[in-house]
Amino acid sequence: MTLNLFLLSLSQLSLCWKSEAGETTHPTKLLRMKLLFIIFQLILVSARKIKIDEVEFGFCSDNQPGSIDLIEIQPYPIKFQSGASISVSALLTLDEPNTIPSGSKVRLDVKKEGLIPLPIPCLELEGADGIIHLGSCEYEVDYLLAEFSDFLCPNFVPDGQSCTTPLNPGSYGGQPLFEAVIPDIPDIIVDLIGSGTYYAGAIITNPDGSEFTCTYLRIQVE
């Protein structure tokens, strides 16, 4: 059921709910249902009003071990549909004397913005090359490097850098960094996510669990 159908059904229930005995539902229950309906309406309206015309990015903590020089996504806004193509360019610089040590992890925090932000859980999707994960997932940095080593190394890492941690100072990324096709997406996920503005935070942690840095990205999806 789409969100609009859900809201319509909820509004009808709040006005016409009957008990099995044929009596009108208690006013308190009606009030709760009407409040719930209003909340969902506010979420829908606020999600529609928030819109950004370009990719926004930066650091989300005081730990800034370098610079984020470029993040560009084409086409933009992003078309979140099966078979759509996407190209991402990114350039990042890790300054001396910082390194991302072995055993580091990346934790993603993805949410759809609105009056009440909607967290996007870690989802499993069937891709052309096997299972892929989308949403608020956590990864070992070495796992990501190994997973994408075919195109990352040596073209998009500093000279002499292997596709393993520790990641040493230098410039990472390129133009474009990668091009991909969005895999088949179940209808329930399309209904859950849909168009809107999304925030994605990436928290990189040291082996002891302390924060190395935090970066963020805000994008528009249609």
N, C-alpha and C. Protein backbone atom coordinates (compact mmCIF):
# COMPACT_ATOMS: atom_id res chain seq x y z
N MET A 1 0.84 -1.19 0.00
CA MET A 1 0.00 0.00 0.00
C MET A 1 0.87 1.24 0.00
N THR A 2 0.58 2.16 -0.89
CA THR A 2 1.37 3.39 -0.93
C THR A 2 1.03 4.26 0.26
N LEU A 3 1.87 5.26 0.52
CA LEU A 3 1.65 6.15 1.66
C LEU A 3 0.35 6.92 1.50
N ASN A 4 0.04 7.37 0.28
CA ASN A 4 -1.20 8.12 0.07
C ASN A 4 -2.41 7.27 0.38
N LEU A 5 -2.40 6.00 -0.07
CA LEU A 5 -3.53 5.12 0.23
C LEU A 5 -3.63 4.87 1.71
N PHE A 6 -2.47 4.73 2.36
CA PHE A 6 -2.47 4.52 3.81
C PHE A 6 -3.09 5.70 4.54
N LEU A 7 -2.71 6.91 4.12
CA LEU A 7 -3.24 8.10 4.76
C LEU A 7 -4.74 8.22 4.55
N LEU A 8 -5.18 7.90 3.31
CA LEU A 8 -6.61 7.97 3.02
C LEU A 8 -7.37 6.98 3.87
N SER A 9 -6.83 5.76 3.97
CA SER A 9 -7.49 4.74 4.79
C SER A 9 -7.53 5.15 6.24
N LEU A 10 -6.42 5.72 6.73
CA LEU A 10 -6.34 6.13 8.12
C LEU A 10 -7.35 7.23 8.42
N SER A 11 -7.51 8.18 7.48
CA SER A 11 -8.46 9.27 7.70
C SER A 11 -9.88 8.74 7.75
N GLN A 12 -10.20 7.75 6.88
CA GLN A 12 -11.53 7.18 6.89
C GLN A 12 -11.78 6.43 8.20
N LEU A 13 -10.74 5.71 8.66
CA LEU A 13 -10.89 5.00 9.93
C LEU A 13 -11.13 5.97 11.08
N SER A 14 -10.42 7.08 11.08
CA SER A 14 -10.55 8.03 12.18
C SER A 14 -11.93 8.66 12.23
N LEU A 15 -12.62 8.69 11.09
CA LEU A 15 -13.94 9.31 11.05
C LEU A 15 -15.07 8.30 11.22
N CYS A 16 -14.84 7.07 10.77
CA CYS A 16 -15.95 6.13 10.65
C CYS A 16 -15.73 4.82 11.40
N TRP A 17 -14.74 4.72 12.24
CA TRP A 17 -14.45 3.47 12.93
C TRP A 17 -15.62 3.03 13.80
N LYS A 18 -16.02 1.79 13.65
CA LYS A 18 -17.13 1.24 14.41
C LYS A 18 -16.65 0.01 15.17
N SER A 19 -17.25 -0.23 16.31
CA SER A 19 -16.96 -1.45 17.05
C SER A 19 -17.81 -2.57 16.49
N GLU A 20 -17.52 -3.81 16.90
CA GLU A 20 -18.30 -4.94 16.44
C GLU A 20 -19.75 -4.82 16.85
N ALA A 21 -20.05 -4.14 17.92
CA ALA A 21 -21.42 -3.96 18.39
C ALA A 21 -22.13 -2.87 17.62
N GLY A 22 -21.43 -2.20 16.69
CA GLY A 22 -22.06 -1.17 15.89
C GLY A 22 -22.01 0.19 16.53
N GLU A 23 -21.30 0.34 17.64
CA GLU A 23 -21.23 1.61 18.32
C GLU A 23 -19.99 2.37 17.88
N THR A 24 -20.07 3.69 17.95
CA THR A 24 -18.93 4.52 17.56
C THR A 24 -17.79 4.33 18.54
N THR A 25 -16.59 4.28 18.02
CA THR A 25 -15.41 4.09 18.86
C THR A 25 -15.31 5.21 19.90
N HIS A 26 -14.74 4.89 21.05
CA HIS A 26 -14.57 5.85 22.13
C HIS A 26 -13.86 7.10 21.62
N PRO A 27 -14.29 8.30 22.03
CA PRO A 27 -13.68 9.56 21.55
C PRO A 27 -12.17 9.61 21.73
N THR A 28 -11.66 9.01 22.81
CA THR A 28 -10.21 9.04 23.03
C THR A 28 -9.48 8.29 21.92
N LYS A 29 -10.04 7.15 21.51
CA LYS A 29 -9.42 6.39 20.43
C LYS A 29 -9.49 7.17 19.12
N LEU A 30 -10.64 7.84 18.89
CA LEU A 30 -10.77 8.66 17.68
C LEU A 30 -9.72 9.77 17.67
N LEU A 31 -9.52 10.39 18.83
CA LEU A 31 -8.55 11.47 18.93
C LEU A 31 -7.14 10.96 18.63
N ARG A 32 -6.80 9.79 19.15
CA ARG A 32 -5.48 9.22 18.89
C ARG A 32 -5.29 8.96 17.40
N MET A 33 -6.34 8.42 16.76
CA MET A 33 -6.23 8.11 15.34
C MET A 33 -6.12 9.38 14.51
N LYS A 34 -6.85 10.42 14.90
CA LYS A 34 -6.76 11.69 14.18
C LYS A 34 -5.37 12.31 14.34
N LEU A 35 -4.81 12.21 15.55
CA LEU A 35 -3.47 12.74 15.77
C LEU A 35 -2.45 11.98 14.93
N LEU A 36 -2.61 10.66 14.86
CA LEU A 36 -1.71 9.86 14.04
C LEU A 36 -1.81 10.25 12.57
N PHE A 37 -3.03 10.48 12.13
CA PHE A 37 -3.24 10.90 10.75
C PHE A 37 -2.57 12.25 10.48
N ILE A 38 -2.70 13.19 11.41
CA ILE A 38 -2.09 14.52 11.25
C ILE A 38 -0.58 14.41 11.19
N ILE A 39 0.00 13.55 12.06
CA ILE A 39 1.46 13.37 12.07
C ILE A 39 1.94 12.87 10.72
N PHE A 40 1.26 11.86 10.16
CA PHE A 40 1.67 11.34 8.87
C PHE A 40 1.51 12.38 7.76
N GLN A 41 0.48 13.20 7.85
CA GLN A 41 0.31 14.27 6.87
C GLN A 41 1.47 15.27 6.96
N LEU A 42 1.87 15.62 8.19
CA LEU A 42 2.97 16.57 8.37
C LEU A 42 4.27 16.01 7.82
N ILE A 43 4.51 14.72 8.04
CA ILE A 43 5.71 14.08 7.50
C ILE A 43 5.71 14.17 5.99
N LEU A 44 4.56 13.87 5.39
CA LEU A 44 4.46 13.89 3.93
C LEU A 44 4.69 15.29 3.40
N VAL A 45 4.06 16.29 4.00
CA VAL A 45 4.18 17.66 3.52
C VAL A 45 5.60 18.18 3.70
N SER A 46 6.20 17.92 4.88
CA SER A 46 7.54 18.43 5.14
C SER A 46 8.55 17.78 4.22
N ALA A 47 8.38 16.48 3.92
CA ALA A 47 9.31 15.80 3.02
C ALA A 47 9.24 16.40 1.62
N ARG A 48 8.07 16.85 1.22
CA ARG A 48 7.92 17.44 -0.11
C ARG A 48 8.53 18.84 -0.17
N LYS A 49 8.52 19.56 0.91
CA LYS A 49 8.99 20.94 0.90
C LYS A 49 10.50 21.04 0.93
N ILE A 50 11.18 20.06 1.57
CA ILE A 50 12.63 20.10 1.65
C ILE A 50 13.21 19.64 0.32
N LYS A 51 13.97 20.51 -0.33
CA LYS A 51 14.57 20.15 -1.61
C LYS A 51 15.86 20.93 -1.78
N ILE A 52 16.90 20.26 -2.24
CA ILE A 52 18.19 20.92 -2.46
C ILE A 52 18.56 20.78 -3.93
N ASP A 53 19.13 21.85 -4.49
CA ASP A 53 19.42 21.90 -5.92
C ASP A 53 20.78 21.33 -6.28
N GLU A 54 21.64 21.09 -5.30
CA GLU A 54 22.95 20.51 -5.57
C GLU A 54 23.40 19.68 -4.39
N VAL A 55 24.37 18.81 -4.64
CA VAL A 55 24.90 17.96 -3.58
C VAL A 55 25.57 18.81 -2.51
N GLU A 56 25.25 18.53 -1.25
CA GLU A 56 25.90 19.22 -0.13
C GLU A 56 26.78 18.21 0.61
N PHE A 57 27.97 18.64 1.04
CA PHE A 57 28.87 17.73 1.72
C PHE A 57 29.79 18.50 2.65
N GLY A 58 30.40 17.78 3.58
CA GLY A 58 31.33 18.41 4.52
C GLY A 58 31.64 17.48 5.67
N PHE A 59 32.25 18.04 6.71
CA PHE A 59 32.54 17.30 7.92
C PHE A 59 31.43 17.50 8.93
N CYS A 60 31.16 16.47 9.72
CA CYS A 60 30.12 16.56 10.75
C CYS A 60 30.71 16.41 12.15
N SER A 61 32.01 16.68 12.30
CA SER A 61 32.65 16.69 13.61
C SER A 61 33.87 17.60 13.55
N ASP A 62 34.47 17.84 14.70
CA ASP A 62 35.66 18.68 14.75
C ASP A 62 36.91 17.93 14.28
N ASN A 63 36.82 16.62 14.16
CA ASN A 63 37.95 15.82 13.68
C ASN A 63 38.00 15.91 12.15
N GLN A 64 38.86 16.77 11.64
CA GLN A 64 38.95 17.00 10.20
C GLN A 64 40.39 16.75 9.75
N PRO A 65 40.70 15.50 9.40
CA PRO A 65 42.08 15.12 9.09
C PRO A 65 42.53 15.48 7.67
N GLY A 66 41.71 16.22 6.95
CA GLY A 66 42.05 16.58 5.57
C GLY A 66 40.97 17.46 4.98
N SER A 67 40.69 17.26 3.70
CA SER A 67 39.67 18.08 3.03
C SER A 67 38.86 17.22 2.07
N ILE A 68 37.60 17.64 1.88
CA ILE A 68 36.72 17.02 0.88
C ILE A 68 36.67 18.03 -0.27
N ASP A 69 37.38 17.74 -1.33
CA ASP A 69 37.57 18.73 -2.40
C ASP A 69 36.45 18.73 -3.42
N LEU A 70 35.82 17.59 -3.63
CA LEU A 70 34.77 17.50 -4.64
C LEU A 70 33.91 16.28 -4.41
N ILE A 71 32.59 16.45 -4.52
CA ILE A 71 31.66 15.34 -4.66
C ILE A 71 30.62 15.78 -5.67
N GLU A 72 30.50 15.03 -6.74
CA GLU A 72 29.57 15.36 -7.81
C GLU A 72 28.85 14.10 -8.26
N ILE A 73 27.54 14.20 -8.44
CA ILE A 73 26.73 13.06 -8.85
C ILE A 73 25.96 13.43 -10.10
N GLN A 74 26.02 12.57 -11.09
CA GLN A 74 25.27 12.77 -12.34
C GLN A 74 24.52 11.50 -12.71
N PRO A 75 23.27 11.60 -13.17
CA PRO A 75 22.48 12.83 -13.25
C PRO A 75 22.01 13.25 -11.86
N TYR A 76 21.66 14.50 -11.74
CA TYR A 76 21.19 15.03 -10.46
C TYR A 76 19.99 15.93 -10.69
N PRO A 77 18.91 15.77 -9.90
CA PRO A 77 18.72 14.85 -8.78
C PRO A 77 18.83 13.38 -9.21
N ILE A 78 19.11 12.54 -8.24
CA ILE A 78 19.30 11.11 -8.48
C ILE A 78 17.96 10.45 -8.80
N LYS A 79 17.96 9.62 -9.83
CA LYS A 79 16.77 8.84 -10.19
C LYS A 79 16.86 7.48 -9.49
N PHE A 80 16.06 7.31 -8.43
CA PHE A 80 16.10 6.07 -7.66
C PHE A 80 15.11 5.08 -8.27
N GLN A 81 15.58 4.39 -9.31
CA GLN A 81 14.74 3.40 -9.97
C GLN A 81 15.63 2.34 -10.60
N SER A 82 15.09 1.13 -10.70
CA SER A 82 15.86 0.02 -11.24
C SER A 82 16.33 0.33 -12.66
N GLY A 83 17.61 0.05 -12.92
CA GLY A 83 18.16 0.25 -14.25
C GLY A 83 18.71 1.63 -14.52
N ALA A 84 18.50 2.58 -13.59
CA ALA A 84 19.00 3.95 -13.79
C ALA A 84 20.52 3.98 -13.62
N SER A 85 21.19 4.79 -14.44
CA SER A 85 22.64 4.92 -14.35
C SER A 85 23.01 6.08 -13.44
N ILE A 86 24.16 5.95 -12.80
CA ILE A 86 24.64 7.00 -11.91
C ILE A 86 26.16 7.09 -12.02
N SER A 87 26.67 8.31 -12.04
CA SER A 87 28.11 8.55 -12.10
C SER A 87 28.51 9.41 -10.92
N VAL A 88 29.55 9.00 -10.21
CA VAL A 88 29.99 9.71 -9.01
C VAL A 88 31.45 10.12 -9.16
N SER A 89 31.72 11.40 -8.94
CA SER A 89 33.08 11.91 -8.88
C SER A 89 33.36 12.37 -7.46
N ALA A 90 34.53 12.04 -6.94
CA ALA A 90 34.89 12.44 -5.57
C ALA A 90 36.39 12.60 -5.46
N LEU A 91 36.80 13.67 -4.79
CA LEU A 91 38.22 13.91 -4.52
C LEU A 91 38.38 14.27 -3.05
N LEU A 92 39.20 13.51 -2.34
CA LEU A 92 39.43 13.74 -0.92
C LEU A 92 40.93 13.74 -0.65
N THR A 93 41.35 14.58 0.29
CA THR A 93 42.77 14.66 0.64
C THR A 93 42.95 14.35 2.12
N LEU A 94 43.84 13.41 2.41
CA LEU A 94 44.21 13.07 3.78
C LEU A 94 45.55 13.75 4.08
N ASP A 95 45.51 14.68 5.02
CA ASP A 95 46.71 15.49 5.30
C ASP A 95 47.70 14.74 6.20
N GLU A 96 48.97 15.12 6.06
CA GLU A 96 50.00 14.67 7.00
C GLU A 96 49.66 15.17 8.40
N PRO A 97 49.92 14.43 9.45
CA PRO A 97 50.50 13.09 9.51
C PRO A 97 49.43 12.01 9.66
N ASN A 98 48.19 12.30 9.24
CA ASN A 98 47.07 11.41 9.51
C ASN A 98 47.10 10.15 8.63
N THR A 99 46.72 9.05 9.24
CA THR A 99 46.52 7.79 8.51
C THR A 99 45.27 7.12 9.06
N ILE A 100 44.59 6.38 8.19
CA ILE A 100 43.46 5.55 8.64
C ILE A 100 44.03 4.17 8.94
N PRO A 101 44.07 3.78 10.21
CA PRO A 101 44.81 2.57 10.60
C PRO A 101 44.08 1.28 10.25
N SER A 102 44.81 0.19 10.26
CA SER A 102 44.22 -1.13 10.07
C SER A 102 43.21 -1.41 11.18
N GLY A 103 42.11 -2.05 10.80
CA GLY A 103 41.06 -2.34 11.78
C GLY A 103 40.01 -1.25 11.89
N SER A 104 40.15 -0.21 11.09
CA SER A 104 39.15 0.88 11.13
C SER A 104 37.83 0.42 10.49
N LYS A 105 36.75 1.10 10.88
CA LYS A 105 35.43 0.78 10.35
C LYS A 105 34.75 2.06 9.87
N VAL A 106 33.74 1.86 9.00
CA VAL A 106 32.89 2.96 8.54
C VAL A 106 31.45 2.62 8.90
N ARG A 107 30.79 3.52 9.60
CA ARG A 107 29.38 3.33 9.96
C ARG A 107 28.54 4.41 9.26
N LEU A 108 27.58 3.98 8.46
CA LEU A 108 26.73 4.91 7.74
C LEU A 108 25.46 5.19 8.52
N ASP A 109 25.04 6.44 8.50
CA ASP A 109 23.79 6.88 9.14
C ASP A 109 22.97 7.58 8.06
N VAL A 110 21.99 6.85 7.50
CA VAL A 110 21.20 7.37 6.38
C VAL A 110 19.78 7.62 6.84
N LYS A 111 19.25 8.79 6.50
CA LYS A 111 17.87 9.11 6.88
C LYS A 111 17.24 10.01 5.84
N LYS A 112 15.93 9.88 5.71
CA LYS A 112 15.16 10.76 4.84
C LYS A 112 14.72 11.95 5.69
N GLU A 113 15.02 13.15 5.21
CA GLU A 113 14.74 14.35 5.99
C GLU A 113 13.26 14.72 5.92
N GLY A 114 12.80 15.36 6.98
CA GLY A 114 11.42 15.80 7.07
C GLY A 114 11.18 16.34 8.46
N LEU A 115 9.94 16.66 8.77
CA LEU A 115 9.61 17.12 10.12
C LEU A 115 10.05 16.10 11.15
N ILE A 116 9.82 14.83 10.83
CA ILE A 116 10.33 13.73 11.63
C ILE A 116 11.23 12.90 10.72
N PRO A 117 12.58 12.94 10.88
CA PRO A 117 13.48 12.19 10.00
C PRO A 117 13.15 10.70 10.02
N LEU A 118 13.25 10.08 8.84
CA LEU A 118 12.96 8.65 8.70
C LEU A 118 14.26 7.89 8.52
N PRO A 119 14.75 7.17 9.56
CA PRO A 119 15.99 6.40 9.42
C PRO A 119 15.83 5.30 8.37
N ILE A 120 16.86 5.11 7.54
CA ILE A 120 16.85 4.04 6.55
C ILE A 120 17.72 2.92 7.08
N PRO A 121 17.14 1.75 7.38
CA PRO A 121 17.94 0.65 7.95
C PRO A 121 18.89 0.06 6.91
N CYS A 122 19.73 -0.84 7.36
CA CYS A 122 20.64 -1.54 6.45
C CYS A 122 19.84 -2.59 5.69
N LEU A 123 19.76 -2.42 4.37
CA LEU A 123 18.93 -3.28 3.53
C LEU A 123 19.81 -4.16 2.65
N GLU A 124 19.35 -5.39 2.41
CA GLU A 124 20.06 -6.30 1.52
C GLU A 124 19.34 -6.35 0.18
N LEU A 125 20.09 -6.11 -0.93
CA LEU A 125 19.52 -6.18 -2.27
C LEU A 125 20.33 -7.16 -3.11
N GLU A 126 19.64 -7.82 -4.02
CA GLU A 126 20.30 -8.75 -4.93
C GLU A 126 20.84 -7.99 -6.13
N GLY A 127 22.17 -7.90 -6.24
CA GLY A 127 22.79 -7.20 -7.35
C GLY A 127 23.28 -8.17 -8.41
N ALA A 128 23.80 -7.64 -9.51
CA ALA A 128 24.28 -8.48 -10.61
C ALA A 128 25.42 -9.37 -10.16
N ASP A 129 26.21 -8.90 -9.19
CA ASP A 129 27.38 -9.66 -8.72
C ASP A 129 27.17 -10.24 -7.32
N GLY A 130 25.91 -10.35 -6.90
CA GLY A 130 25.62 -10.90 -5.58
C GLY A 130 24.91 -9.90 -4.69
N ILE A 131 24.88 -10.19 -3.39
CA ILE A 131 24.19 -9.34 -2.42
C ILE A 131 24.94 -8.03 -2.23
N ILE A 132 24.18 -6.92 -2.25
CA ILE A 132 24.76 -5.63 -1.90
C ILE A 132 23.95 -5.05 -0.74
N HIS A 133 24.55 -4.14 -0.01
CA HIS A 133 23.90 -3.53 1.14
C HIS A 133 23.67 -2.05 0.89
N LEU A 134 22.51 -1.58 1.29
CA LEU A 134 22.12 -0.20 1.07
C LEU A 134 21.50 0.33 2.35
N GLY A 135 21.88 1.53 2.77
CA GLY A 135 21.29 2.14 3.96
C GLY A 135 22.29 2.31 5.08
N SER A 136 21.81 2.25 6.31
CA SER A 136 22.65 2.51 7.49
C SER A 136 23.39 1.25 7.90
N CYS A 137 24.45 0.95 7.17
CA CYS A 137 25.24 -0.26 7.40
C CYS A 137 26.61 0.09 7.97
N GLU A 138 27.27 -0.91 8.52
CA GLU A 138 28.63 -0.73 9.03
C GLU A 138 29.56 -1.69 8.28
N TYR A 139 30.75 -1.19 7.93
CA TYR A 139 31.70 -1.97 7.15
C TYR A 139 33.09 -1.85 7.74
N GLU A 140 33.89 -2.91 7.58
CA GLU A 140 35.32 -2.81 7.79
C GLU A 140 35.90 -2.03 6.61
N VAL A 141 36.81 -1.09 6.87
CA VAL A 141 37.41 -0.34 5.78
C VAL A 141 38.13 -1.28 4.82
N ASP A 142 38.82 -2.27 5.34
CA ASP A 142 39.52 -3.22 4.47
C ASP A 142 38.55 -4.02 3.60
N TYR A 143 37.34 -4.29 4.10
CA TYR A 143 36.34 -4.99 3.30
C TYR A 143 35.95 -4.14 2.10
N LEU A 144 35.72 -2.84 2.31
CA LEU A 144 35.34 -1.95 1.21
C LEU A 144 36.47 -1.83 0.20
N LEU A 145 37.70 -1.71 0.69
CA LEU A 145 38.84 -1.60 -0.22
C LEU A 145 38.98 -2.86 -1.08
N ALA A 146 38.79 -4.02 -0.47
CA ALA A 146 38.88 -5.28 -1.22
C ALA A 146 37.73 -5.41 -2.21
N GLU A 147 36.54 -4.98 -1.78
CA GLU A 147 35.34 -5.10 -2.62
C GLU A 147 35.45 -4.27 -3.89
N PHE A 148 36.09 -3.09 -3.77
CA PHE A 148 36.15 -2.18 -4.91
C PHE A 148 37.58 -1.98 -5.43
N SER A 149 38.45 -2.93 -5.13
CA SER A 149 39.86 -2.79 -5.52
C SER A 149 40.05 -2.77 -7.03
N ASP A 150 39.15 -3.42 -7.78
CA ASP A 150 39.32 -3.51 -9.23
C ASP A 150 39.39 -2.14 -9.89
N PHE A 151 38.57 -1.20 -9.39
CA PHE A 151 38.62 0.13 -10.01
C PHE A 151 39.30 1.18 -9.13
N LEU A 152 39.41 0.94 -7.83
CA LEU A 152 40.03 1.93 -6.95
C LEU A 152 41.54 1.99 -7.12
N CYS A 153 42.17 0.83 -7.20
CA CYS A 153 43.63 0.77 -7.17
C CYS A 153 44.19 0.28 -8.50
N PRO A 154 45.21 0.93 -9.02
CA PRO A 154 45.98 2.03 -8.41
C PRO A 154 45.53 3.42 -8.85
N ASN A 155 44.45 3.49 -9.66
CA ASN A 155 44.11 4.77 -10.31
C ASN A 155 43.62 5.86 -9.36
N PHE A 156 42.96 5.48 -8.26
CA PHE A 156 42.32 6.48 -7.42
C PHE A 156 42.88 6.54 -6.01
N VAL A 157 44.11 6.11 -5.85
CA VAL A 157 44.80 6.20 -4.56
C VAL A 157 46.18 6.82 -4.81
N PRO A 158 46.83 7.35 -3.77
CA PRO A 158 48.16 7.95 -3.95
C PRO A 158 49.18 6.92 -4.45
N ASP A 159 50.21 7.39 -5.10
CA ASP A 159 51.29 6.52 -5.58
C ASP A 159 51.87 5.72 -4.42
N GLY A 160 51.97 4.41 -4.64
CA GLY A 160 52.55 3.54 -3.62
C GLY A 160 51.56 3.03 -2.59
N GLN A 161 50.29 3.51 -2.65
CA GLN A 161 49.29 3.07 -1.68
C GLN A 161 48.66 1.76 -2.15
N SER A 162 48.67 0.75 -1.30
CA SER A 162 48.01 -0.52 -1.63
C SER A 162 46.52 -0.40 -1.30
N CYS A 163 45.75 -1.38 -1.75
CA CYS A 163 44.30 -1.37 -1.48
C CYS A 163 44.00 -2.02 -0.14
N THR A 164 44.74 -1.64 0.86
CA THR A 164 44.54 -2.10 2.22
C THR A 164 44.87 -0.96 3.17
N THR A 165 44.38 -1.07 4.40
CA THR A 165 44.81 -0.12 5.43
C THR A 165 46.20 -0.54 5.93
N PRO A 166 46.96 0.39 6.47
CA PRO A 166 46.60 1.80 6.72
C PRO A 166 46.57 2.62 5.42
N LEU A 167 45.63 3.60 5.40
CA LEU A 167 45.56 4.54 4.29
C LEU A 167 46.42 5.74 4.65
N ASN A 168 47.40 6.00 3.83
CA ASN A 168 48.39 7.03 4.13
C ASN A 168 47.98 8.39 3.56
N PRO A 169 48.64 9.46 3.99
CA PRO A 169 48.31 10.80 3.49
C PRO A 169 48.41 10.87 1.96
N GLY A 170 47.57 11.72 1.37
CA GLY A 170 47.57 11.89 -0.07
C GLY A 170 46.17 12.14 -0.58
N SER A 171 46.03 12.15 -1.91
CA SER A 171 44.74 12.43 -2.55
C SER A 171 44.09 11.12 -3.01
N TYR A 172 42.80 11.01 -2.74
CA TYR A 172 42.03 9.82 -3.10
C TYR A 172 40.85 10.24 -3.97
N GLY A 173 40.52 9.38 -4.93
CA GLY A 173 39.33 9.64 -5.75
C GLY A 173 39.69 10.02 -7.17
N GLY A 174 38.66 10.46 -7.92
CA GLY A 174 38.86 10.82 -9.31
C GLY A 174 37.59 11.30 -9.96
N GLN A 175 37.66 11.58 -11.27
CA GLN A 175 36.54 12.09 -12.04
C GLN A 175 36.39 11.29 -13.33
N PRO A 176 35.38 10.43 -13.47
CA PRO A 176 34.49 10.00 -12.38
C PRO A 176 35.16 8.91 -11.54
N LEU A 177 34.73 8.81 -10.30
CA LEU A 177 35.25 7.76 -9.43
C LEU A 177 34.68 6.42 -9.85
N PHE A 178 33.37 6.39 -10.11
CA PHE A 178 32.76 5.16 -10.62
C PHE A 178 31.44 5.48 -11.31
N GLU A 179 31.03 4.55 -12.15
CA GLU A 179 29.73 4.60 -12.81
C GLU A 179 29.04 3.28 -12.53
N ALA A 180 27.73 3.33 -12.27
CA ALA A 180 27.02 2.11 -11.89
C ALA A 180 25.59 2.19 -12.36
N VAL A 181 24.93 1.02 -12.34
CA VAL A 181 23.51 0.92 -12.66
C VAL A 181 22.79 0.43 -11.41
N ILE A 182 21.73 1.13 -11.02
CA ILE A 182 20.97 0.74 -9.83
C ILE A 182 20.29 -0.61 -10.08
N PRO A 183 20.48 -1.59 -9.19
CA PRO A 183 19.90 -2.93 -9.39
C PRO A 183 18.39 -2.93 -9.20
N ASP A 184 17.78 -4.10 -9.44
CA ASP A 184 16.35 -4.24 -9.22
C ASP A 184 16.02 -3.93 -7.76
N ILE A 185 15.01 -3.09 -7.56
CA ILE A 185 14.64 -2.65 -6.22
C ILE A 185 13.22 -3.14 -5.92
N PRO A 186 13.02 -3.90 -4.83
CA PRO A 186 11.67 -4.34 -4.47
C PRO A 186 10.73 -3.15 -4.28
N ASP A 187 9.46 -3.33 -4.67
CA ASP A 187 8.48 -2.25 -4.57
C ASP A 187 8.35 -1.72 -3.15
N ILE A 188 8.48 -2.60 -2.16
CA ILE A 188 8.31 -2.16 -0.77
C ILE A 188 9.41 -1.17 -0.38
N ILE A 189 10.62 -1.35 -0.95
CA ILE A 189 11.71 -0.42 -0.66
C ILE A 189 11.50 0.90 -1.39
N VAL A 190 11.02 0.82 -2.64
CA VAL A 190 10.71 2.05 -3.39
C VAL A 190 9.67 2.87 -2.64
N ASP A 191 8.62 2.19 -2.12
CA ASP A 191 7.58 2.90 -1.37
C ASP A 191 8.13 3.49 -0.08
N LEU A 192 9.06 2.76 0.57
CA LEU A 192 9.63 3.23 1.84
C LEU A 192 10.52 4.45 1.61
N ILE A 193 11.35 4.39 0.58
CA ILE A 193 12.33 5.45 0.36
C ILE A 193 11.72 6.57 -0.47
N GLY A 194 11.45 6.32 -1.74
CA GLY A 194 10.79 7.32 -2.59
C GLY A 194 11.59 8.60 -2.76
N SER A 195 10.95 9.61 -3.35
CA SER A 195 11.62 10.88 -3.60
C SER A 195 11.73 11.69 -2.32
N GLY A 196 12.73 12.58 -2.29
CA GLY A 196 12.91 13.43 -1.12
C GLY A 196 14.38 13.78 -0.94
N THR A 197 14.68 14.43 0.18
CA THR A 197 16.05 14.82 0.50
C THR A 197 16.61 13.84 1.54
N TYR A 198 17.81 13.37 1.28
CA TYR A 198 18.42 12.36 2.14
C TYR A 198 19.74 12.86 2.71
N TYR A 199 19.96 12.49 3.97
CA TYR A 199 21.21 12.79 4.67
C TYR A 199 21.95 11.47 4.89
N ALA A 200 23.23 11.45 4.55
CA ALA A 200 24.05 10.27 4.80
C ALA A 200 25.31 10.70 5.53
N GLY A 201 25.45 10.25 6.77
CA GLY A 201 26.65 10.50 7.53
C GLY A 201 27.55 9.26 7.48
N ALA A 202 28.85 9.48 7.39
CA ALA A 202 29.82 8.38 7.39
C ALA A 202 30.79 8.60 8.54
N ILE A 203 30.69 7.78 9.56
CA ILE A 203 31.56 7.91 10.73
C ILE A 203 32.66 6.86 10.63
N ILE A 204 33.89 7.32 10.51
CA ILE A 204 35.04 6.42 10.46
C ILE A 204 35.59 6.29 11.87
N THR A 205 35.73 5.06 12.33
CA THR A 205 36.20 4.83 13.70
C THR A 205 37.54 4.11 13.70
N ASN A 206 38.34 4.41 14.71
CA ASN A 206 39.62 3.73 14.91
C ASN A 206 39.38 2.33 15.46
N PRO A 207 40.40 1.48 15.46
CA PRO A 207 40.24 0.12 15.98
C PRO A 207 39.71 0.08 17.42
N ASP A 208 40.03 1.11 18.23
CA ASP A 208 39.55 1.12 19.61
C ASP A 208 38.13 1.67 19.75
N GLY A 209 37.50 2.01 18.62
CA GLY A 209 36.12 2.50 18.64
C GLY A 209 36.00 4.01 18.70
N SER A 210 37.09 4.72 18.91
CA SER A 210 37.04 6.18 18.94
C SER A 210 36.85 6.73 17.52
N GLU A 211 36.34 7.94 17.44
CA GLU A 211 36.06 8.52 16.13
C GLU A 211 37.34 9.05 15.48
N PHE A 212 37.54 8.67 14.22
CA PHE A 212 38.63 9.24 13.43
C PHE A 212 38.14 10.51 12.75
N THR A 213 36.99 10.42 12.11
CA THR A 213 36.35 11.60 11.50
C THR A 213 34.91 11.26 11.17
N CYS A 214 34.16 12.29 10.81
CA CYS A 214 32.77 12.12 10.40
C CYS A 214 32.51 13.04 9.22
N THR A 215 31.99 12.49 8.13
CA THR A 215 31.65 13.30 6.96
C THR A 215 30.17 13.11 6.66
N TYR A 216 29.61 14.03 5.89
CA TYR A 216 28.19 13.92 5.56
C TYR A 216 27.94 14.31 4.11
N LEU A 217 26.79 13.86 3.63
CA LEU A 217 26.35 14.12 2.26
C LEU A 217 24.84 14.31 2.30
N ARG A 218 24.36 15.37 1.61
CA ARG A 218 22.90 15.57 1.46
C ARG A 218 22.60 15.56 -0.04
N ILE A 219 21.62 14.74 -0.42
CA ILE A 219 21.28 14.59 -1.83
C ILE A 219 19.77 14.65 -2.02
N GLN A 220 19.39 14.94 -3.25
CA GLN A 220 17.97 14.95 -3.64
C GLN A 220 17.69 13.74 -4.51
N VAL A 221 16.65 12.98 -4.18
CA VAL A 221 16.26 11.80 -4.93
C VAL A 221 14.87 12.02 -5.52
N GLU A 222 14.71 11.62 -6.77
CA GLU A 222 13.40 11.75 -7.43
C GLU A 222 12.95 10.40 -7.95
